Amino acid sequence: MAALTADQIQSIEERFPQVFQRPFHKRFGPLMLLGGIFLYLLYSLWFFNLPQVMRESHWERLPLFLTQWISYD
């Protein structure tokens, strides 16, 4: 297999520009998805006020709840 020269690469790019210029959503889709997930997590933390809920929880009851949940199954 022979390596392509710069002129050959340029001619291929000129003949098939759609191959080398991907749409915005295909280039940045995964990044936008991760950003959306991060924003959703921040929103859910704010909406449900999770830091305060975690602070005011009765953690001493957790073993009792877990044993009842396991014994129910």
N, C-alpha and C. Protein backbone atom coordinates (compact mmCIF):
# COMPACT_ATOMS: atom_id res chain seq x y z
N MET A 1 0.85 -1.17 0.00
CA MET A 1 0.00 0.00 0.00
C MET A 1 0.89 1.23 0.00
N ALA A 2 0.67 2.11 -0.94
CA ALA A 2 1.50 3.31 -1.07
C ALA A 2 0.91 4.45 -0.25
N ALA A 3 1.78 5.27 0.29
CA ALA A 3 1.34 6.43 1.05
C ALA A 3 0.88 7.52 0.09
N LEU A 4 -0.10 8.28 0.51
CA LEU A 4 -0.62 9.36 -0.33
C LEU A 4 0.23 10.61 -0.17
N THR A 5 0.37 11.32 -1.25
CA THR A 5 1.08 12.60 -1.19
C THR A 5 0.11 13.69 -0.76
N ALA A 6 0.65 14.84 -0.45
CA ALA A 6 -0.18 15.96 -0.03
C ALA A 6 -1.14 16.39 -1.13
N ASP A 7 -0.70 16.34 -2.38
CA ASP A 7 -1.57 16.71 -3.50
C ASP A 7 -2.72 15.73 -3.66
N GLN A 8 -2.45 14.46 -3.47
CA GLN A 8 -3.52 13.46 -3.58
C GLN A 8 -4.54 13.62 -2.45
N ILE A 9 -4.05 13.90 -1.27
CA ILE A 9 -4.96 14.12 -0.14
C ILE A 9 -5.82 15.35 -0.39
N GLN A 10 -5.22 16.41 -0.89
CA GLN A 10 -5.95 17.64 -1.18
C GLN A 10 -7.03 17.39 -2.24
N SER A 11 -6.71 16.62 -3.27
CA SER A 11 -7.70 16.35 -4.32
C SER A 11 -8.86 15.51 -3.79
N ILE A 12 -8.57 14.58 -2.90
CA ILE A 12 -9.64 13.78 -2.30
C ILE A 12 -10.53 14.66 -1.44
N GLU A 13 -9.94 15.56 -0.67
CA GLU A 13 -10.73 16.47 0.17
C GLU A 13 -11.58 17.40 -0.68
N GLU A 14 -11.09 17.81 -1.84
CA GLU A 14 -11.87 18.69 -2.72
C GLU A 14 -13.01 17.93 -3.39
N ARG A 15 -12.81 16.67 -3.71
CA ARG A 15 -13.85 15.88 -4.37
C ARG A 15 -14.94 15.43 -3.41
N PHE A 16 -14.57 15.17 -2.17
CA PHE A 16 -15.54 14.65 -1.19
C PHE A 16 -15.52 15.51 0.09
N PRO A 17 -15.98 16.76 0.01
CA PRO A 17 -15.90 17.62 1.20
C PRO A 17 -16.83 17.18 2.33
N GLN A 18 -17.94 16.51 2.00
CA GLN A 18 -18.88 16.11 3.04
C GLN A 18 -18.28 15.06 3.98
N VAL A 19 -17.29 14.34 3.52
CA VAL A 19 -16.66 13.32 4.36
C VAL A 19 -15.76 13.96 5.40
N PHE A 20 -15.13 15.07 5.04
CA PHE A 20 -14.14 15.69 5.93
C PHE A 20 -14.70 16.84 6.75
N GLN A 21 -15.95 17.21 6.53
CA GLN A 21 -16.58 18.27 7.31
C GLN A 21 -17.82 17.69 7.98
N ARG A 22 -17.62 17.13 9.13
CA ARG A 22 -18.72 16.50 9.85
C ARG A 22 -19.64 17.54 10.44
N PRO A 23 -20.94 17.23 10.58
CA PRO A 23 -21.89 18.18 11.17
C PRO A 23 -21.55 18.46 12.64
N PHE A 24 -22.08 19.57 13.12
CA PHE A 24 -21.81 20.01 14.49
C PHE A 24 -22.24 18.95 15.50
N HIS A 25 -23.44 18.40 15.34
CA HIS A 25 -23.94 17.44 16.33
C HIS A 25 -23.15 16.14 16.33
N LYS A 26 -22.51 15.80 15.22
CA LYS A 26 -21.69 14.59 15.22
C LYS A 26 -20.31 14.84 15.82
N ARG A 27 -19.82 16.06 15.68
CA ARG A 27 -18.51 16.37 16.26
C ARG A 27 -18.60 16.54 17.77
N PHE A 28 -19.62 17.27 18.22
CA PHE A 28 -19.70 17.62 19.63
C PHE A 28 -20.84 16.92 20.36
N GLY A 29 -21.46 15.93 19.74
CA GLY A 29 -22.58 15.22 20.37
C GLY A 29 -22.23 14.58 21.70
N PRO A 30 -21.17 13.78 21.79
CA PRO A 30 -20.84 13.17 23.08
C PRO A 30 -20.52 14.20 24.17
N LEU A 31 -19.84 15.27 23.78
CA LEU A 31 -19.53 16.32 24.75
C LEU A 31 -20.79 17.02 25.22
N MET A 32 -21.71 17.28 24.30
CA MET A 32 -22.98 17.91 24.68
C MET A 32 -23.81 16.98 25.56
N LEU A 33 -23.75 15.68 25.30
CA LEU A 33 -24.47 14.71 26.13
C LEU A 33 -23.92 14.70 27.55
N LEU A 34 -22.61 14.69 27.69
CA LEU A 34 -22.01 14.73 29.03
C LEU A 34 -22.33 16.03 29.75
N GLY A 35 -22.31 17.14 29.01
CA GLY A 35 -22.67 18.42 29.60
C GLY A 35 -24.11 18.44 30.06
N GLY A 36 -25.01 17.85 29.26
CA GLY A 36 -26.42 17.78 29.64
C GLY A 36 -26.63 16.93 30.88
N ILE A 37 -25.93 15.82 30.97
CA ILE A 37 -26.03 14.96 32.15
C ILE A 37 -25.54 15.70 33.39
N PHE A 38 -24.43 16.43 33.24
CA PHE A 38 -23.89 17.18 34.37
C PHE A 38 -24.87 18.27 34.81
N LEU A 39 -25.46 18.99 33.85
CA LEU A 39 -26.43 20.03 34.20
C LEU A 39 -27.67 19.43 34.85
N TYR A 40 -28.11 18.26 34.38
CA TYR A 40 -29.26 17.60 34.98
C TYR A 40 -28.97 17.19 36.43
N LEU A 41 -27.77 16.69 36.68
CA LEU A 41 -27.40 16.33 38.05
C LEU A 41 -27.38 17.54 38.97
N LEU A 42 -26.84 18.65 38.47
CA LEU A 42 -26.85 19.88 39.27
C LEU A 42 -28.27 20.34 39.55
N TYR A 43 -29.14 20.27 38.54
CA TYR A 43 -30.53 20.68 38.72
C TYR A 43 -31.23 19.79 39.73
N SER A 44 -31.01 18.48 39.66
CA SER A 44 -31.68 17.58 40.60
C SER A 44 -31.17 17.79 42.02
N LEU A 45 -29.88 18.09 42.17
CA LEU A 45 -29.36 18.42 43.51
C LEU A 45 -30.06 19.65 44.07
N TRP A 46 -30.25 20.65 43.21
CA TRP A 46 -30.91 21.88 43.66
C TRP A 46 -32.40 21.65 43.90
N PHE A 47 -33.09 20.96 42.98
CA PHE A 47 -34.54 20.81 43.06
C PHE A 47 -34.95 20.00 44.29
N PHE A 48 -34.26 18.90 44.56
CA PHE A 48 -34.61 18.06 45.69
C PHE A 48 -33.88 18.45 46.96
N ASN A 49 -33.04 19.47 46.89
CA ASN A 49 -32.31 19.97 48.05
C ASN A 49 -31.55 18.82 48.74
N LEU A 50 -30.85 18.04 47.96
CA LEU A 50 -30.20 16.83 48.47
C LEU A 50 -29.13 17.07 49.53
N PRO A 51 -28.31 18.12 49.45
CA PRO A 51 -27.34 18.30 50.54
C PRO A 51 -28.00 18.46 51.91
N GLN A 52 -29.09 19.21 51.97
CA GLN A 52 -29.77 19.38 53.26
C GLN A 52 -30.45 18.08 53.69
N VAL A 53 -31.02 17.36 52.76
CA VAL A 53 -31.66 16.08 53.09
C VAL A 53 -30.63 15.10 53.64
N MET A 54 -29.45 15.05 53.03
CA MET A 54 -28.41 14.15 53.52
C MET A 54 -27.92 14.57 54.91
N ARG A 55 -27.86 15.88 55.15
CA ARG A 55 -27.41 16.37 56.46
C ARG A 55 -28.42 16.03 57.55
N GLU A 56 -29.71 16.15 57.24
CA GLU A 56 -30.74 15.99 58.27
C GLU A 56 -31.30 14.57 58.35
N SER A 57 -30.70 13.64 57.65
CA SER A 57 -31.19 12.26 57.66
C SER A 57 -30.88 11.59 59.00
N HIS A 58 -31.67 10.60 59.32
CA HIS A 58 -31.45 9.82 60.54
C HIS A 58 -30.68 8.56 60.15
N TRP A 59 -29.36 8.70 60.11
CA TRP A 59 -28.51 7.61 59.64
C TRP A 59 -28.46 6.45 60.64
N GLU A 60 -28.85 6.70 61.88
CA GLU A 60 -28.83 5.61 62.85
C GLU A 60 -29.92 4.58 62.55
N ARG A 61 -30.91 4.94 61.74
CA ARG A 61 -31.98 4.01 61.38
C ARG A 61 -31.64 3.15 60.15
N LEU A 62 -30.57 3.45 59.49
CA LEU A 62 -30.22 2.76 58.25
C LEU A 62 -30.06 1.25 58.42
N PRO A 63 -29.35 0.76 59.44
CA PRO A 63 -29.23 -0.71 59.57
C PRO A 63 -30.58 -1.40 59.75
N LEU A 64 -31.50 -0.77 60.48
CA LEU A 64 -32.82 -1.35 60.67
C LEU A 64 -33.57 -1.44 59.34
N PHE A 65 -33.53 -0.37 58.57
CA PHE A 65 -34.20 -0.37 57.26
C PHE A 65 -33.61 -1.42 56.34
N LEU A 66 -32.29 -1.55 56.35
CA LEU A 66 -31.64 -2.53 55.48
C LEU A 66 -31.99 -3.95 55.87
N THR A 67 -32.02 -4.25 57.17
CA THR A 67 -32.36 -5.61 57.59
C THR A 67 -33.81 -5.94 57.25
N GLN A 68 -34.71 -4.98 57.41
CA GLN A 68 -36.10 -5.23 57.05
C GLN A 68 -36.25 -5.40 55.54
N TRP A 69 -35.51 -4.65 54.77
CA TRP A 69 -35.60 -4.74 53.32
C TRP A 69 -35.06 -6.08 52.82
N ILE A 70 -33.96 -6.54 53.42
CA ILE A 70 -33.37 -7.81 53.01
C ILE A 70 -34.26 -8.97 53.45
N SER A 71 -34.83 -8.90 54.64
CA SER A 71 -35.66 -10.00 55.12
C SER A 71 -36.98 -10.07 54.36
N TYR A 72 -37.43 -8.97 53.79
CA TYR A 72 -38.67 -8.97 53.00
C TYR A 72 -38.48 -9.74 51.71
N ASP A 73 -37.29 -9.65 51.12
CA ASP A 73 -37.01 -10.39 49.88
C ASP A 73 -36.88 -11.83 50.22
